[in-house]
Amino acid sequence: MMRRILVALVLSCLASPAFAANYDAAPVVSAHRAGNGGEARASVDIHAPTTRVWTVLSSCANARRFMRDLISCRVLQRGRGWEVREHRIRGWLMHPVMRNVLRVTLTPNRRLAFHRVSGDWARSQGAWTLTPIDNGRGTHVTYHISAAINGPVSVPQATLINGVRRTLSDLRRVSEARAAA
């Protein structure tokens, strides 16, 4: 089972415009514990052009539509090709709201990379990469995140995998709805 997931992940990472789109497939996600947190890699094909997916992915105004635990997203600073954003995220009973301040590097319609600047996280870094597929009618999205929360709380691997899968599924749903509109 793990070998099949690994093979699927490698193949999805190699996706290019020449590969056939699979718009109905569930997001492919692999994750593992890393230090006091975890890392995940994931991919999904979205039946919408990269410009539509980028509009959803790169905007604070749209972030809550595909990141279910996000309470708010606010741009604190902006420069050419970058932003500093504050995310407030649902936590748990002892820490109901968590703050994560990120520097986001934006390469329009191609890549959104982020890394932690401050907040309640010990580590939060990763990237979203968009690749046109299906002669520009679709987008292959890859996502990588390495994250850890300060303190004794750890996120179970299954929770990390399910959260990343849900985020990619929601990104696809929102992007495809925008494309159809």
N, C-alpha and C. Protein backbone atom coordinates (compact mmCIF):
# COMPACT_ATOMS: atom_id res chain seq x y z
N MET A 1 0.84 -1.20 0.00
CA MET A 1 0.00 0.00 0.00
C MET A 1 0.87 1.25 0.00
N MET A 2 1.84 1.31 0.93
CA MET A 2 2.71 2.48 1.03
C MET A 2 3.52 2.66 -0.26
N ARG A 3 3.93 1.52 -0.84
CA ARG A 3 4.70 1.60 -2.08
C ARG A 3 3.87 2.20 -3.21
N ARG A 4 2.58 1.81 -3.30
CA ARG A 4 1.70 2.37 -4.32
C ARG A 4 1.52 3.87 -4.14
N ILE A 5 1.38 4.29 -2.88
CA ILE A 5 1.24 5.73 -2.60
C ILE A 5 2.50 6.46 -3.01
N LEU A 6 3.66 5.89 -2.69
CA LEU A 6 4.94 6.51 -3.06
C LEU A 6 5.09 6.62 -4.57
N VAL A 7 4.74 5.54 -5.28
CA VAL A 7 4.82 5.56 -6.75
C VAL A 7 3.87 6.62 -7.32
N ALA A 8 2.65 6.68 -6.79
CA ALA A 8 1.68 7.68 -7.26
C ALA A 8 2.18 9.08 -6.99
N LEU A 9 2.80 9.29 -5.84
CA LEU A 9 3.32 10.60 -5.50
C LEU A 9 4.45 11.00 -6.44
N VAL A 10 5.36 10.08 -6.71
CA VAL A 10 6.47 10.38 -7.62
C VAL A 10 5.93 10.71 -9.01
N LEU A 11 4.99 9.90 -9.48
CA LEU A 11 4.41 10.17 -10.80
C LEU A 11 3.69 11.51 -10.84
N SER A 12 2.98 11.85 -9.77
CA SER A 12 2.27 13.13 -9.76
C SER A 12 3.24 14.29 -9.72
N CYS A 13 4.38 14.12 -9.05
CA CYS A 13 5.38 15.19 -9.01
C CYS A 13 6.02 15.41 -10.36
N LEU A 14 6.03 14.37 -11.19
CA LEU A 14 6.61 14.48 -12.52
C LEU A 14 5.61 14.98 -13.55
N ALA A 15 4.41 15.25 -13.12
CA ALA A 15 3.35 15.66 -14.05
C ALA A 15 3.78 16.88 -14.84
N SER A 16 3.45 16.87 -16.09
CA SER A 16 3.73 18.00 -16.97
C SER A 16 2.56 18.12 -17.93
N PRO A 17 2.59 19.13 -18.79
CA PRO A 17 1.48 19.27 -19.73
C PRO A 17 1.26 18.03 -20.59
N ALA A 18 2.28 17.16 -20.74
CA ALA A 18 2.14 15.98 -21.57
C ALA A 18 1.36 14.87 -20.86
N PHE A 19 1.28 14.90 -19.54
CA PHE A 19 0.56 13.87 -18.80
C PHE A 19 -0.94 14.11 -18.89
N ALA A 20 -1.69 13.02 -18.89
CA ALA A 20 -3.15 13.13 -18.94
C ALA A 20 -3.68 13.60 -17.59
N ALA A 21 -4.67 14.44 -17.63
CA ALA A 21 -5.29 14.95 -16.41
C ALA A 21 -6.21 13.90 -15.82
N ASN A 22 -6.27 13.85 -14.51
CA ASN A 22 -7.19 12.96 -13.83
C ASN A 22 -8.00 13.80 -12.84
N TYR A 23 -9.03 14.47 -13.35
CA TYR A 23 -9.80 15.42 -12.56
C TYR A 23 -10.69 14.78 -11.50
N ASP A 24 -10.96 13.49 -11.63
CA ASP A 24 -11.84 12.82 -10.67
C ASP A 24 -11.09 12.13 -9.54
N ALA A 25 -9.79 12.01 -9.66
CA ALA A 25 -9.02 11.31 -8.63
C ALA A 25 -8.92 12.13 -7.35
N ALA A 26 -8.96 11.43 -6.25
CA ALA A 26 -8.76 12.08 -4.94
C ALA A 26 -7.33 12.59 -4.88
N PRO A 27 -7.09 13.64 -4.12
CA PRO A 27 -5.71 14.12 -3.94
C PRO A 27 -4.81 13.00 -3.41
N VAL A 28 -3.61 12.95 -3.92
CA VAL A 28 -2.60 12.00 -3.44
C VAL A 28 -1.83 12.69 -2.34
N VAL A 29 -1.78 12.08 -1.16
CA VAL A 29 -1.14 12.69 0.00
C VAL A 29 -0.26 11.68 0.71
N SER A 30 0.95 12.09 1.05
CA SER A 30 1.79 11.29 1.93
C SER A 30 2.30 12.22 3.02
N ALA A 31 2.46 11.67 4.20
CA ALA A 31 2.92 12.47 5.33
C ALA A 31 3.71 11.60 6.29
N HIS A 32 4.54 12.25 7.08
CA HIS A 32 5.29 11.55 8.12
C HIS A 32 5.64 12.52 9.24
N ARG A 33 5.91 11.97 10.40
CA ARG A 33 6.34 12.76 11.54
C ARG A 33 7.73 13.30 11.24
N ALA A 34 7.99 14.52 11.68
CA ALA A 34 9.31 15.14 11.49
C ALA A 34 9.60 16.00 12.72
N GLY A 35 10.49 15.52 13.58
CA GLY A 35 10.79 16.25 14.81
C GLY A 35 9.55 16.36 15.67
N ASN A 36 9.22 17.56 16.09
CA ASN A 36 8.02 17.76 16.90
C ASN A 36 6.81 18.13 16.06
N GLY A 37 6.85 17.80 14.79
CA GLY A 37 5.74 18.11 13.89
C GLY A 37 5.62 17.07 12.80
N GLY A 38 5.31 17.54 11.61
CA GLY A 38 5.16 16.62 10.49
C GLY A 38 5.41 17.30 9.16
N GLU A 39 5.53 16.48 8.15
CA GLU A 39 5.70 16.95 6.78
C GLU A 39 4.70 16.22 5.90
N ALA A 40 4.20 16.92 4.90
CA ALA A 40 3.27 16.30 3.96
C ALA A 40 3.60 16.78 2.55
N ARG A 41 3.39 15.89 1.61
CA ARG A 41 3.48 16.20 0.18
C ARG A 41 2.18 15.72 -0.44
N ALA A 42 1.66 16.53 -1.35
CA ALA A 42 0.36 16.18 -1.93
C ALA A 42 0.25 16.74 -3.34
N SER A 43 -0.69 16.18 -4.10
CA SER A 43 -0.96 16.70 -5.44
C SER A 43 -2.40 16.39 -5.83
N VAL A 44 -2.89 17.19 -6.76
CA VAL A 44 -4.24 17.01 -7.28
C VAL A 44 -4.33 17.70 -8.64
N ASP A 45 -5.17 17.17 -9.52
CA ASP A 45 -5.48 17.83 -10.79
C ASP A 45 -6.80 18.57 -10.63
N ILE A 46 -6.81 19.80 -11.10
CA ILE A 46 -7.99 20.65 -11.00
C ILE A 46 -8.44 21.04 -12.40
N HIS A 47 -9.73 20.88 -12.68
CA HIS A 47 -10.27 21.20 -14.01
C HIS A 47 -10.58 22.70 -14.10
N ALA A 48 -9.52 23.48 -14.04
CA ALA A 48 -9.59 24.94 -14.17
C ALA A 48 -8.20 25.42 -14.57
N PRO A 49 -8.12 26.47 -15.37
CA PRO A 49 -6.81 26.99 -15.77
C PRO A 49 -6.03 27.53 -14.57
N THR A 50 -4.72 27.60 -14.72
CA THR A 50 -3.87 28.05 -13.62
C THR A 50 -4.27 29.44 -13.12
N THR A 51 -4.74 30.32 -14.00
CA THR A 51 -5.13 31.66 -13.55
C THR A 51 -6.27 31.61 -12.55
N ARG A 52 -7.23 30.71 -12.76
CA ARG A 52 -8.36 30.57 -11.81
C ARG A 52 -7.89 29.98 -10.48
N VAL A 53 -7.07 28.93 -10.56
CA VAL A 53 -6.57 28.30 -9.34
C VAL A 53 -5.72 29.32 -8.58
N TRP A 54 -4.90 30.08 -9.28
CA TRP A 54 -4.07 31.09 -8.64
C TRP A 54 -4.92 32.14 -7.93
N THR A 55 -6.00 32.56 -8.55
CA THR A 55 -6.89 33.56 -7.95
C THR A 55 -7.42 33.06 -6.60
N VAL A 56 -7.78 31.81 -6.54
CA VAL A 56 -8.28 31.23 -5.28
C VAL A 56 -7.14 31.08 -4.29
N LEU A 57 -6.05 30.49 -4.73
CA LEU A 57 -4.93 30.15 -3.85
C LEU A 57 -4.22 31.35 -3.26
N SER A 58 -4.04 32.39 -4.04
CA SER A 58 -3.17 33.48 -3.63
C SER A 58 -3.86 34.61 -2.86
N SER A 59 -5.16 34.58 -2.75
CA SER A 59 -5.91 35.67 -2.15
C SER A 59 -6.32 35.35 -0.72
N CYS A 60 -6.00 36.26 0.21
CA CYS A 60 -6.48 36.11 1.59
C CYS A 60 -8.00 36.04 1.62
N ALA A 61 -8.65 36.78 0.76
CA ALA A 61 -10.12 36.81 0.75
C ALA A 61 -10.71 35.43 0.44
N ASN A 62 -9.99 34.61 -0.31
CA ASN A 62 -10.47 33.27 -0.67
C ASN A 62 -9.97 32.17 0.25
N ALA A 63 -8.99 32.45 1.08
CA ALA A 63 -8.31 31.41 1.85
C ALA A 63 -9.25 30.59 2.73
N ARG A 64 -10.20 31.23 3.36
CA ARG A 64 -11.13 30.49 4.24
C ARG A 64 -12.02 29.53 3.47
N ARG A 65 -12.14 29.72 2.17
CA ARG A 65 -12.99 28.85 1.36
C ARG A 65 -12.37 27.47 1.15
N PHE A 66 -11.03 27.37 1.25
CA PHE A 66 -10.40 26.06 1.08
C PHE A 66 -9.54 25.63 2.26
N MET A 67 -9.39 26.49 3.25
CA MET A 67 -8.67 26.14 4.48
C MET A 67 -9.69 26.20 5.63
N ARG A 68 -10.32 25.07 5.92
CA ARG A 68 -11.46 25.04 6.84
C ARG A 68 -11.14 25.51 8.26
N ASP A 69 -9.93 25.29 8.74
CA ASP A 69 -9.60 25.68 10.11
C ASP A 69 -9.12 27.13 10.21
N LEU A 70 -9.02 27.80 9.09
CA LEU A 70 -8.59 29.20 9.08
C LEU A 70 -9.72 30.10 9.55
N ILE A 71 -9.44 30.91 10.55
CA ILE A 71 -10.42 31.87 11.05
C ILE A 71 -10.30 33.18 10.28
N SER A 72 -9.05 33.61 10.04
CA SER A 72 -8.85 34.85 9.29
C SER A 72 -7.48 34.85 8.63
N CYS A 73 -7.37 35.61 7.56
CA CYS A 73 -6.13 35.84 6.84
C CYS A 73 -6.04 37.34 6.61
N ARG A 74 -4.90 37.92 7.00
CA ARG A 74 -4.75 39.36 6.87
C ARG A 74 -3.34 39.66 6.36
N VAL A 75 -3.23 40.53 5.37
CA VAL A 75 -1.93 40.95 4.85
C VAL A 75 -1.41 42.07 5.74
N LEU A 76 -0.24 41.85 6.34
CA LEU A 76 0.37 42.84 7.22
C LEU A 76 1.33 43.76 6.48
N GLN A 77 2.03 43.23 5.49
CA GLN A 77 2.97 44.00 4.67
C GLN A 77 2.93 43.44 3.26
N ARG A 78 3.30 44.29 2.33
CA ARG A 78 3.30 43.86 0.93
C ARG A 78 4.45 44.52 0.21
N GLY A 79 5.09 43.76 -0.65
CA GLY A 79 6.15 44.29 -1.50
C GLY A 79 6.04 43.62 -2.86
N ARG A 80 6.97 43.92 -3.72
CA ARG A 80 6.93 43.33 -5.06
C ARG A 80 7.24 41.83 -4.98
N GLY A 81 6.22 41.01 -5.22
CA GLY A 81 6.39 39.57 -5.23
C GLY A 81 6.36 38.90 -3.86
N TRP A 82 5.98 39.62 -2.83
CA TRP A 82 5.91 39.02 -1.49
C TRP A 82 4.87 39.71 -0.62
N GLU A 83 4.44 39.01 0.41
CA GLU A 83 3.55 39.54 1.42
C GLU A 83 3.91 38.92 2.76
N VAL A 84 3.61 39.62 3.83
CA VAL A 84 3.64 39.04 5.16
C VAL A 84 2.18 38.93 5.57
N ARG A 85 1.76 37.70 5.88
CA ARG A 85 0.36 37.44 6.21
C ARG A 85 0.24 36.90 7.63
N GLU A 86 -0.85 37.25 8.25
CA GLU A 86 -1.19 36.68 9.55
C GLU A 86 -2.38 35.76 9.37
N HIS A 87 -2.19 34.50 9.76
CA HIS A 87 -3.28 33.54 9.77
C HIS A 87 -3.67 33.28 11.22
N ARG A 88 -4.96 33.33 11.47
CA ARG A 88 -5.50 32.89 12.77
C ARG A 88 -6.24 31.60 12.48
N ILE A 89 -5.87 30.56 13.24
CA ILE A 89 -6.32 29.21 12.95
C ILE A 89 -6.95 28.59 14.19
N ARG A 90 -8.02 27.81 13.97
CA ARG A 90 -8.64 27.08 15.09
C ARG A 90 -7.63 26.14 15.70
N GLY A 91 -7.53 26.21 17.01
CA GLY A 91 -6.61 25.33 17.73
C GLY A 91 -7.36 24.23 18.46
N TRP A 92 -7.11 24.11 19.74
CA TRP A 92 -7.75 23.11 20.57
C TRP A 92 -8.15 23.75 21.89
N LEU A 93 -8.71 22.97 22.77
CA LEU A 93 -9.28 23.47 24.01
C LEU A 93 -8.34 24.40 24.78
N MET A 94 -7.11 24.02 24.96
CA MET A 94 -6.16 24.82 25.75
C MET A 94 -5.63 26.03 24.99
N HIS A 95 -5.76 26.02 23.69
CA HIS A 95 -5.25 27.11 22.84
C HIS A 95 -6.20 27.24 21.65
N PRO A 96 -7.40 27.84 21.88
CA PRO A 96 -8.45 27.80 20.85
C PRO A 96 -8.14 28.56 19.56
N VAL A 97 -7.30 29.58 19.63
CA VAL A 97 -6.92 30.32 18.42
C VAL A 97 -5.40 30.39 18.36
N MET A 98 -4.85 29.95 17.22
CA MET A 98 -3.40 29.99 17.03
C MET A 98 -3.07 31.01 15.96
N ARG A 99 -1.97 31.70 16.16
CA ARG A 99 -1.53 32.74 15.24
C ARG A 99 -0.28 32.27 14.51
N ASN A 100 -0.26 32.46 13.20
CA ASN A 100 0.89 32.10 12.38
C ASN A 100 1.16 33.26 11.43
N VAL A 101 2.32 33.88 11.56
CA VAL A 101 2.70 34.97 10.67
C VAL A 101 3.71 34.41 9.68
N LEU A 102 3.42 34.57 8.40
CA LEU A 102 4.19 33.97 7.32
C LEU A 102 4.67 35.00 6.31
N ARG A 103 5.86 34.80 5.81
CA ARG A 103 6.30 35.56 4.64
C ARG A 103 5.97 34.69 3.43
N VAL A 104 5.21 35.24 2.52
CA VAL A 104 4.73 34.51 1.35
C VAL A 104 5.41 35.10 0.11
N THR A 105 6.04 34.25 -0.68
CA THR A 105 6.65 34.66 -1.94
C THR A 105 5.73 34.22 -3.06
N LEU A 106 5.33 35.18 -3.90
CA LEU A 106 4.33 34.94 -4.93
C LEU A 106 4.94 35.01 -6.33
N THR A 107 4.86 33.94 -7.06
CA THR A 107 5.23 33.90 -8.47
C THR A 107 3.93 33.64 -9.21
N PRO A 108 3.27 34.70 -9.70
CA PRO A 108 1.91 34.58 -10.23
C PRO A 108 1.70 33.40 -11.18
N ASN A 109 0.62 32.68 -10.92
CA ASN A 109 0.17 31.55 -11.72
C ASN A 109 1.14 30.37 -11.73
N ARG A 110 2.17 30.40 -10.86
CA ARG A 110 3.16 29.32 -10.85
C ARG A 110 3.45 28.77 -9.45
N ARG A 111 3.75 29.68 -8.48
CA ARG A 111 4.23 29.17 -7.19
C ARG A 111 3.93 30.15 -6.06
N LEU A 112 3.50 29.61 -4.94
CA LEU A 112 3.32 30.36 -3.71
C LEU A 112 4.11 29.62 -2.63
N ALA A 113 5.19 30.24 -2.17
CA ALA A 113 6.03 29.63 -1.13
C ALA A 113 5.84 30.43 0.15
N PHE A 114 5.99 29.77 1.29
CA PHE A 114 5.79 30.46 2.56
C PHE A 114 6.74 29.92 3.62
N HIS A 115 7.06 30.78 4.59
CA HIS A 115 7.81 30.33 5.76
C HIS A 115 7.43 31.19 6.96
N ARG A 116 7.49 30.60 8.11
CA ARG A 116 7.11 31.21 9.37
C ARG A 116 8.02 32.38 9.71
N VAL A 117 7.40 33.48 10.18
CA VAL A 117 8.12 34.65 10.68
C VAL A 117 7.97 34.72 12.20
N SER A 118 6.74 34.50 12.67
CA SER A 118 6.48 34.51 14.11
C SER A 118 5.13 33.85 14.38
N GLY A 119 4.79 33.74 15.65
CA GLY A 119 3.49 33.19 16.02
C GLY A 119 3.61 31.96 16.89
N ASP A 120 2.54 31.20 16.94
CA ASP A 120 2.43 30.04 17.82
C ASP A 120 3.02 28.75 17.24
N TRP A 121 3.53 28.82 16.05
CA TRP A 121 4.11 27.65 15.42
C TRP A 121 5.61 27.63 15.63
N ALA A 122 6.18 26.45 15.80
CA ALA A 122 7.63 26.31 15.88
C ALA A 122 8.22 26.29 14.46
N ARG A 123 7.43 25.72 13.54
CA ARG A 123 7.90 25.60 12.15
C ARG A 123 6.68 25.60 11.24
N SER A 124 6.76 26.33 10.15
CA SER A 124 5.69 26.34 9.14
C SER A 124 6.30 26.85 7.85
N GLN A 125 6.56 25.94 6.95
CA GLN A 125 7.14 26.33 5.66
C GLN A 125 6.69 25.35 4.60
N GLY A 126 6.64 25.83 3.38
CA GLY A 126 6.25 24.97 2.29
C GLY A 126 5.98 25.75 1.04
N ALA A 127 5.33 25.10 0.08
CA ALA A 127 5.06 25.75 -1.20
C ALA A 127 3.92 25.04 -1.92
N TRP A 128 3.20 25.83 -2.71
CA TRP A 128 2.20 25.37 -3.65
C TRP A 128 2.78 25.63 -5.04
N THR A 129 2.72 24.65 -5.93
CA THR A 129 3.21 24.81 -7.29
C THR A 129 2.09 24.45 -8.26
N LEU A 130 1.88 25.31 -9.25
CA LEU A 130 0.83 25.11 -10.26
C LEU A 130 1.48 24.84 -11.61
N THR A 131 1.01 23.77 -12.27
CA THR A 131 1.53 23.42 -13.59
C THR A 131 0.34 23.25 -14.53
N PRO A 132 0.33 23.96 -15.67
CA PRO A 132 -0.78 23.78 -16.62
C PRO A 132 -0.77 22.37 -17.19
N ILE A 133 -1.95 21.79 -17.35
CA ILE A 133 -2.12 20.47 -17.97
C ILE A 133 -3.30 20.54 -18.93
N ASP A 134 -3.48 19.50 -19.69
CA ASP A 134 -4.64 19.39 -20.56
C ASP A 134 -4.77 20.61 -21.48
N ASN A 135 -3.65 20.97 -22.11
CA ASN A 135 -3.60 22.12 -23.02
C ASN A 135 -4.10 23.42 -22.37
N GLY A 136 -3.79 23.58 -21.07
CA GLY A 136 -4.16 24.81 -20.36
C GLY A 136 -5.54 24.80 -19.75
N ARG A 137 -6.31 23.75 -20.00
CA ARG A 137 -7.67 23.69 -19.43
C ARG A 137 -7.66 23.27 -17.97
N GLY A 138 -6.56 22.70 -17.53
CA GLY A 138 -6.47 22.22 -16.16
C GLY A 138 -5.16 22.63 -15.51
N THR A 139 -5.06 22.31 -14.22
CA THR A 139 -3.88 22.66 -13.43
C THR A 139 -3.52 21.48 -12.55
N HIS A 140 -2.25 21.10 -12.58
CA HIS A 140 -1.73 20.11 -11.64
C HIS A 140 -1.15 20.90 -10.47
N VAL A 141 -1.65 20.65 -9.27
CA VAL A 141 -1.21 21.36 -8.07
C VAL A 141 -0.40 20.41 -7.21
N THR A 142 0.78 20.85 -6.81
CA THR A 142 1.56 20.12 -5.82
C THR A 142 1.70 21.02 -4.60
N TYR A 143 1.76 20.38 -3.45
CA TYR A 143 1.82 21.10 -2.18
C TYR A 143 2.77 20.37 -1.26
N HIS A 144 3.60 21.14 -0.59
CA HIS A 144 4.51 20.58 0.40
C HIS A 144 4.44 21.46 1.63
N ILE A 145 4.35 20.84 2.80
CA ILE A 145 4.37 21.60 4.04
C ILE A 145 5.18 20.84 5.08
N SER A 146 5.93 21.61 5.86
CA SER A 146 6.64 21.12 7.03
C SER A 146 6.22 22.02 8.17
N ALA A 147 5.59 21.46 9.18
CA ALA A 147 5.03 22.29 10.25
C ALA A 147 5.15 21.60 11.61
N ALA A 148 5.23 22.44 12.63
CA ALA A 148 5.23 21.97 14.01
C ALA A 148 4.66 23.09 14.89
N ILE A 149 3.92 22.68 15.90
CA ILE A 149 3.32 23.63 16.84
C ILE A 149 4.21 23.70 18.07
N ASN A 150 4.38 24.89 18.62
CA ASN A 150 5.12 25.03 19.87
C ASN A 150 4.40 24.28 20.97
N GLY A 151 5.16 23.66 21.85
CA GLY A 151 4.56 23.00 23.01
C GLY A 151 4.48 21.50 22.85
N PRO A 152 3.81 20.86 23.81
CA PRO A 152 3.78 19.39 23.86
C PRO A 152 2.76 18.74 22.94
N VAL A 153 1.96 19.51 22.24
CA VAL A 153 0.92 18.95 21.38
C VAL A 153 1.54 18.45 20.08
N SER A 154 1.12 17.28 19.65
CA SER A 154 1.55 16.77 18.35
C SER A 154 0.32 16.39 17.54
N VAL A 155 0.44 16.49 16.25
CA VAL A 155 -0.66 16.18 15.35
C VAL A 155 -0.46 14.76 14.84
N PRO A 156 -1.45 13.87 15.03
CA PRO A 156 -1.32 12.52 14.51
C PRO A 156 -1.18 12.52 12.99
N GLN A 157 -0.43 11.55 12.47
CA GLN A 157 -0.18 11.46 11.04
C GLN A 157 -1.48 11.39 10.24
N ALA A 158 -2.44 10.62 10.71
CA ALA A 158 -3.72 10.50 9.99
C ALA A 158 -4.43 11.85 9.93
N THR A 159 -4.36 12.63 10.99
CA THR A 159 -4.98 13.96 11.01
C THR A 159 -4.31 14.87 9.99
N LEU A 160 -2.98 14.82 9.90
CA LEU A 160 -2.24 15.62 8.93
C LEU A 160 -2.63 15.23 7.51
N ILE A 161 -2.65 13.94 7.23
CA ILE A 161 -3.01 13.47 5.88
C ILE A 161 -4.43 13.89 5.53
N ASN A 162 -5.37 13.66 6.44
CA ASN A 162 -6.76 14.01 6.17
C ASN A 162 -6.94 15.52 6.00
N GLY A 163 -6.25 16.32 6.79
CA GLY A 163 -6.33 17.78 6.67
C GLY A 163 -5.81 18.27 5.34
N VAL A 164 -4.66 17.74 4.91
CA VAL A 164 -4.08 18.14 3.62
C VAL A 164 -4.98 17.68 2.48
N ARG A 165 -5.49 16.46 2.56
CA ARG A 165 -6.39 15.95 1.51
C ARG A 165 -7.64 16.83 1.40
N ARG A 166 -8.21 17.20 2.54
CA ARG A 166 -9.41 18.05 2.57
C ARG A 166 -9.10 19.43 1.98
N THR A 167 -7.94 19.99 2.31
CA THR A 167 -7.56 21.30 1.78
C THR A 167 -7.45 21.27 0.26
N LEU A 168 -6.78 20.24 -0.28
CA LEU A 168 -6.67 20.14 -1.73
C LEU A 168 -8.02 19.88 -2.39
N SER A 169 -8.84 19.06 -1.79
CA SER A 169 -10.19 18.81 -2.33
C SER A 169 -11.01 20.09 -2.35
N ASP A 170 -10.91 20.87 -1.28
CA ASP A 170 -11.64 22.13 -1.21
C ASP A 170 -11.09 23.16 -2.20
N LEU A 171 -9.77 23.19 -2.38
CA LEU A 171 -9.17 24.09 -3.38
C LEU A 171 -9.71 23.71 -4.76
N ARG A 172 -9.80 22.42 -5.05
CA ARG A 172 -10.33 21.99 -6.35
C ARG A 172 -11.79 22.40 -6.50
N ARG A 173 -12.60 22.14 -5.46
CA ARG A 173 -14.03 22.48 -5.51
C ARG A 173 -14.24 23.97 -5.77
N VAL A 174 -13.53 24.82 -5.03
CA VAL A 174 -13.69 26.26 -5.17
C VAL A 174 -13.18 26.74 -6.54
N SER A 175 -12.03 26.23 -6.97
CA SER A 175 -11.46 26.64 -8.26
C SER A 175 -12.34 26.21 -9.42
N GLU A 176 -12.85 25.00 -9.36
CA GLU A 176 -13.72 24.52 -10.46
C GLU A 176 -15.05 25.26 -10.47
N ALA A 177 -15.57 25.63 -9.32
CA ALA A 177 -16.80 26.42 -9.28
C ALA A 177 -16.58 27.80 -9.88
N ARG A 178 -15.42 28.40 -9.59
CA ARG A 178 -15.09 29.71 -10.18
C ARG A 178 -14.93 29.59 -11.68
N ALA A 179 -14.33 28.48 -12.14
CA ALA A 179 -14.12 28.29 -13.58
C ALA A 179 -15.46 28.13 -14.30
N ALA A 180 -16.41 27.48 -13.64
CA ALA A 180 -17.71 27.26 -14.25
C ALA A 180 -18.58 28.54 -14.25
N ALA A 181 -18.28 29.46 -13.33
CA ALA A 181 -19.09 30.67 -13.20
C ALA A 181 -18.93 31.62 -14.36
